[in-house]
Amino acid sequence: MMGFLSKIDLRTGLRYVLVLQLLIAGILILSDVGRVVQNPFRPAVDLPTGPISPGDQRREYRTDRTDPTLLPQDRPLDVPVPQNFPTRLEFKEQTVDDLGRVLLVSGQIETGDAERFSSYLSGMQDQPDLVALHSPGGKVPEALLIGGHIREAALSSAVLEGAVCMSACPYILAGGVERLVSLQGIVGLHQRYYDQPRLIPVVFAVEGIQKGQGETMQHLIDMGVDPALMLYSLNTPPDQIYALVEDELTETRIATQILE
């Protein structure tokens, strides 16, 4: 009799374990679907196009190319930048009048790019006078490391005319001892993407999310940038970008010098 009851208890326990596994699998599947399928309960937002102005600063966020209406150009750029972003960071050196030796860092920020940047920098015959950025963003931990490398080398950073520095890229910009931003360029922020945990429900990832935000805030403080900069990112959905205007650039100290 006892053996029969034990078998029933074992079967019941196995059913509970199976149901729990199915629930977890369902949560993970729904989270993956949510990445590629637009939330039907979220109202669609028609974003404006064209150049930004105070109070009109939200635009569609793209990681493949720049928006030609956002920064219309009527003259050649001192530092030409690609319209289509490279799939990972690329480095190019050139000498520019009034700017000196410029190292253009362009493309999406991917895993391993911080090490690649450090190796490239150490292999240069002469250190650049300026690190110019043109990136839609990417991996935040890599951006924090690259910003740290720039500060360790006592270099200045810049977003020049025709260039954009969005999402994670401003954390690289923050690393410059001096941070030059052209009003004909874009520095933009939005909410950070976090990798979905694969073996546990997302509710258990809250600690990791908070830790990531803390590391980003500490980086800004260490670089002399007002951590209030993060308010612009926290209040902007991931599929949009909030472009900072001159007062916001200077008040948060993400820019120490504005270029006309």
Protein backbone atom coordinates (compact mmCIF):
# COMPACT_ATOMS: atom_id res chain seq x y z
CA MET A 1 0.00 0.00 0.00
CA MET A 2 2.75 2.45 0.94
CA GLY A 3 4.61 1.65 -2.27
CA PHE A 4 1.47 2.34 -4.30
CA LEU A 5 0.99 5.72 -2.58
CA SER A 6 4.64 6.62 -3.17
CA LYS A 7 4.21 5.95 -6.88
CA ILE A 8 1.16 8.25 -6.95
CA ASP A 9 3.10 11.01 -5.13
CA LEU A 10 6.02 10.60 -7.51
CA ARG A 11 3.75 10.85 -10.55
CA THR A 12 2.06 13.94 -9.11
CA GLY A 13 5.42 15.55 -8.41
CA LEU A 14 6.64 14.84 -11.92
CA ARG A 15 3.48 16.40 -13.35
CA TYR A 16 4.10 19.57 -11.32
CA VAL A 17 7.70 19.71 -12.53
CA LEU A 18 6.55 19.24 -16.14
CA VAL A 19 3.91 21.97 -15.80
CA LEU A 20 6.51 24.33 -14.29
CA GLN A 21 8.93 23.63 -17.14
CA LEU A 22 6.17 24.29 -19.69
CA LEU A 23 5.32 27.59 -18.01
CA ILE A 24 8.96 28.71 -18.06
CA ALA A 25 9.30 27.64 -21.70
CA GLY A 26 6.14 29.59 -22.54
CA ILE A 27 7.51 32.72 -20.89
CA LEU A 28 10.77 32.45 -22.82
CA ILE A 29 8.96 31.86 -26.12
CA LEU A 30 6.69 34.85 -25.53
CA SER A 31 9.70 37.01 -24.70
CA ASP A 32 11.35 36.02 -27.99
CA VAL A 33 8.16 36.74 -29.93
CA GLY A 34 7.92 40.09 -28.20
CA ARG A 35 11.30 41.07 -29.65
CA VAL A 36 10.14 40.77 -33.23
CA VAL A 37 6.38 41.35 -33.06
CA GLN A 38 5.13 44.82 -32.26
CA ASN A 39 3.03 45.06 -29.10
CA PRO A 40 -0.58 45.41 -30.37
CA PHE A 41 -1.61 47.17 -27.16
CA ARG A 42 1.02 49.89 -27.51
CA PRO A 43 -0.32 52.87 -29.46
CA ALA A 44 1.55 53.63 -32.66
CA VAL A 45 3.50 56.89 -32.62
CA ASP A 46 4.02 58.91 -35.78
CA LEU A 47 7.44 60.43 -35.31
CA PRO A 48 8.43 63.61 -37.12
CA THR A 49 11.27 63.73 -39.63
CA GLY A 50 13.80 66.38 -40.51
CA PRO A 51 16.16 68.46 -38.37
CA ILE A 52 15.51 68.70 -34.64
CA SER A 53 14.64 71.77 -32.61
CA PRO A 54 13.99 72.33 -28.89
CA GLY A 55 10.87 70.42 -27.91
CA ASP A 56 10.92 68.43 -31.17
CA GLN A 57 13.69 65.95 -30.47
CA ARG A 58 12.36 62.40 -30.83
CA ARG A 59 13.07 60.51 -34.01
CA GLU A 60 12.97 56.93 -35.29
CA TYR A 61 15.99 54.93 -34.13
CA ARG A 62 17.90 53.07 -36.83
CA THR A 63 21.00 50.91 -36.45
CA ASP A 64 21.66 50.36 -40.16
CA ARG A 65 22.01 53.87 -41.55
CA THR A 66 21.68 57.55 -40.78
CA ASP A 67 18.53 59.48 -41.61
CA PRO A 68 19.42 61.83 -44.50
CA THR A 69 16.67 64.27 -43.43
CA LEU A 70 18.01 64.56 -39.89
CA LEU A 71 21.33 66.14 -40.83
CA PRO A 72 21.03 67.58 -44.34
CA GLN A 73 24.45 68.56 -45.69
CA ASP A 74 25.06 71.39 -48.15
CA ARG A 75 28.86 71.31 -48.01
CA PRO A 76 31.67 68.72 -47.83
CA LEU A 77 32.45 67.37 -44.36
CA ASP A 78 35.85 67.92 -42.76
CA VAL A 79 35.71 64.28 -41.63
CA PRO A 80 33.56 62.25 -44.05
CA VAL A 81 31.40 59.60 -42.36
CA PRO A 82 29.63 56.60 -43.90
CA GLN A 83 25.85 56.80 -44.31
CA ASN A 84 25.52 53.05 -43.71
CA PHE A 85 26.96 52.01 -40.35
CA PRO A 86 29.60 49.26 -40.38
CA THR A 87 28.42 46.18 -38.47
CA ARG A 88 31.22 46.69 -35.94
CA LEU A 89 33.59 49.52 -35.12
CA GLU A 90 36.06 50.59 -37.81
CA PHE A 91 39.01 52.92 -37.29
CA LYS A 92 40.37 55.44 -39.78
CA GLU A 93 43.05 58.12 -39.34
CA GLN A 94 43.32 61.43 -41.13
CA THR A 95 44.72 64.92 -40.62
CA VAL A 96 42.26 67.80 -40.64
CA ASP A 97 42.96 71.53 -40.60
CA ASP A 98 42.23 73.06 -37.16
CA LEU A 99 41.62 69.60 -35.68
CA GLY A 100 44.98 67.89 -36.17
CA ARG A 101 45.26 64.09 -36.24
CA VAL A 102 41.73 62.65 -36.09
CA LEU A 103 40.88 59.02 -35.42
CA LEU A 104 37.39 58.33 -36.79
CA VAL A 105 35.64 55.53 -34.90
CA SER A 106 32.49 54.50 -36.78
CA GLY A 107 30.02 51.64 -36.76
CA GLN A 108 28.04 49.51 -34.36
CA ILE A 109 29.65 48.67 -31.00
CA GLU A 110 30.03 44.91 -30.69
CA THR A 111 31.59 42.47 -28.23
CA GLY A 112 35.38 42.68 -28.40
CA ASP A 113 35.47 46.19 -29.86
CA ALA A 114 36.95 47.69 -26.68
CA GLU A 115 39.96 45.38 -26.96
CA ARG A 116 40.24 46.11 -30.68
CA PHE A 117 40.16 49.86 -30.00
CA SER A 118 42.81 49.59 -27.29
CA SER A 119 45.07 47.53 -29.57
CA TYR A 120 44.62 49.95 -32.47
CA LEU A 121 45.35 52.95 -30.26
CA SER A 122 48.51 51.42 -28.81
CA GLY A 123 49.70 50.53 -32.32
CA MET A 124 49.41 54.08 -33.68
CA GLN A 125 52.70 55.81 -34.37
CA ASP A 126 51.39 59.03 -32.84
CA GLN A 127 48.39 59.47 -30.59
CA PRO A 128 45.46 61.27 -32.21
CA ASP A 129 44.55 64.78 -31.19
CA LEU A 130 40.89 63.84 -31.38
CA VAL A 131 38.72 60.71 -31.40
CA ALA A 132 35.71 61.43 -33.64
CA LEU A 133 32.65 59.23 -33.19
CA HIS A 134 29.95 58.11 -35.62
CA SER A 135 27.88 55.24 -34.22
CA PRO A 136 24.29 54.10 -33.69
CA GLY A 137 25.39 52.43 -30.44
CA GLY A 138 25.52 48.79 -29.46
CA LYS A 139 26.94 46.95 -26.46
CA VAL A 140 26.95 49.26 -23.43
CA PRO A 141 29.71 47.39 -21.50
CA GLU A 142 32.01 47.76 -24.52
CA ALA A 143 31.16 51.47 -24.80
CA LEU A 144 32.02 52.01 -21.13
CA LEU A 145 35.39 50.30 -21.63
CA ILE A 146 36.20 52.31 -24.75
CA GLY A 147 35.31 55.52 -22.94
CA GLY A 148 37.65 54.44 -20.16
CA HIS A 149 40.48 53.80 -22.65
CA ILE A 150 40.02 57.28 -24.11
CA ARG A 151 40.25 58.85 -20.65
CA GLU A 152 43.30 56.77 -19.67
CA ALA A 153 45.06 58.03 -22.80
CA ALA A 154 44.02 61.63 -21.95
CA LEU A 155 42.41 62.08 -25.38
CA SER A 156 39.61 64.38 -26.45
CA SER A 157 36.45 63.05 -28.11
CA ALA A 158 34.06 64.62 -30.59
CA VAL A 159 30.86 64.33 -32.58
CA LEU A 160 31.61 66.41 -35.65
CA GLU A 161 29.42 67.84 -38.37
CA GLY A 162 27.40 65.18 -40.15
CA ALA A 163 28.09 62.52 -37.51
CA VAL A 164 25.75 60.87 -35.00
CA CYS A 165 26.50 59.33 -31.61
CA MET A 166 23.46 57.48 -30.29
CA SER A 167 22.35 54.90 -27.75
CA ALA A 168 25.55 53.53 -26.12
CA CYS A 169 27.87 55.82 -28.09
CA PRO A 170 27.54 58.83 -25.73
CA TYR A 171 29.23 56.73 -23.04
CA ILE A 172 32.29 56.63 -25.32
CA LEU A 173 32.00 60.37 -25.89
CA ALA A 174 31.98 60.86 -22.11
CA GLY A 175 35.52 59.48 -21.92
CA GLY A 176 37.10 62.48 -23.63
CA VAL A 177 39.04 64.91 -21.47
CA GLU A 178 37.45 67.55 -23.71
CA ARG A 179 34.21 66.68 -25.47
CA LEU A 180 33.47 68.60 -28.66
CA VAL A 181 30.00 68.40 -30.20
CA SER A 182 28.92 70.08 -33.40
CA LEU A 183 25.42 71.52 -33.62
CA GLN A 184 25.41 69.90 -37.07
CA GLY A 185 25.85 66.49 -35.43
CA ILE A 186 23.56 64.42 -33.20
CA VAL A 187 24.06 63.05 -29.68
CA GLY A 188 21.06 60.88 -28.87
CA LEU A 189 19.87 58.57 -26.08
CA HIS A 190 17.18 56.01 -25.38
CA GLN A 191 16.38 53.14 -23.01
CA ARG A 192 19.03 50.46 -22.85
CA TYR A 193 18.43 47.04 -24.32
CA TYR A 194 19.09 44.11 -21.99
CA ASP A 195 19.73 40.54 -23.05
CA GLN A 196 16.80 38.32 -22.09
CA PRO A 197 17.86 35.53 -19.69
CA ARG A 198 17.47 32.14 -21.33
CA LEU A 199 16.91 29.85 -18.34
CA ILE A 200 14.95 31.98 -15.87
CA PRO A 201 11.92 34.30 -16.10
CA VAL A 202 12.73 37.94 -16.70
CA VAL A 203 11.59 38.98 -13.22
CA PHE A 204 14.81 37.51 -11.83
CA ALA A 205 16.90 39.75 -14.12
CA VAL A 206 15.91 42.96 -12.31
CA GLU A 207 19.02 42.87 -10.15
CA GLY A 208 21.24 42.67 -13.24
CA ILE A 209 19.40 45.55 -14.90
CA GLN A 210 19.83 47.75 -11.83
CA LYS A 211 23.51 46.80 -11.63
CA GLY A 212 23.98 47.79 -15.29
CA GLN A 213 22.34 51.15 -14.73
CA GLY A 214 24.52 51.71 -11.67
CA GLU A 215 27.70 50.96 -13.65
CA THR A 216 26.65 53.38 -16.37
CA MET A 217 25.86 56.11 -13.86
CA GLN A 218 29.21 55.58 -12.09
CA HIS A 219 31.01 55.85 -15.44
CA LEU A 220 29.37 59.21 -16.13
CA ILE A 221 30.27 60.48 -12.66
CA ASP A 222 33.89 59.31 -13.05
CA MET A 223 34.11 61.07 -16.41
CA GLY A 224 32.77 64.36 -15.03
CA VAL A 225 29.39 64.11 -16.78
CA ASP A 226 26.17 64.84 -14.90
CA PRO A 227 24.44 61.45 -14.37
CA ALA A 228 21.15 63.28 -14.93
CA LEU A 229 21.99 62.62 -18.58
CA MET A 230 20.43 59.21 -18.03
CA LEU A 231 16.99 60.78 -17.55
CA TYR A 232 16.85 61.40 -21.31
CA SER A 233 17.54 57.72 -21.97
CA LEU A 234 15.20 56.33 -19.30
CA ASN A 235 12.29 58.39 -20.65
CA THR A 236 12.75 57.40 -24.31
CA PRO A 237 11.52 54.02 -25.70
CA PRO A 238 14.15 51.75 -27.32
CA ASP A 239 12.67 52.23 -30.81
CA GLN A 240 13.09 56.01 -30.59
CA ILE A 241 16.05 58.31 -30.06
CA TYR A 242 16.08 61.58 -28.12
CA ALA A 243 18.49 64.07 -29.68
CA LEU A 244 20.03 66.53 -27.23
CA VAL A 245 19.94 70.24 -28.02
CA GLU A 246 22.66 72.73 -27.08
CA ASP A 247 21.45 73.56 -23.56
CA GLU A 248 21.11 69.87 -22.71
CA LEU A 249 24.56 69.08 -24.10
CA THR A 250 26.25 71.75 -22.01
CA GLU A 251 24.18 71.48 -18.82
CA THR A 252 24.88 67.74 -18.53
CA ARG A 253 28.52 68.33 -19.52
CA ILE A 254 28.43 65.60 -22.15
CA ALA A 255 29.80 68.45 -24.27
CA THR A 256 32.50 70.74 -22.92
CA GLN A 257 32.70 72.69 -26.17
CA ILE A 258 30.06 73.37 -28.82
CA LEU A 259 31.11 73.63 -32.45
CA GLU A 260 28.90 75.68 -34.76
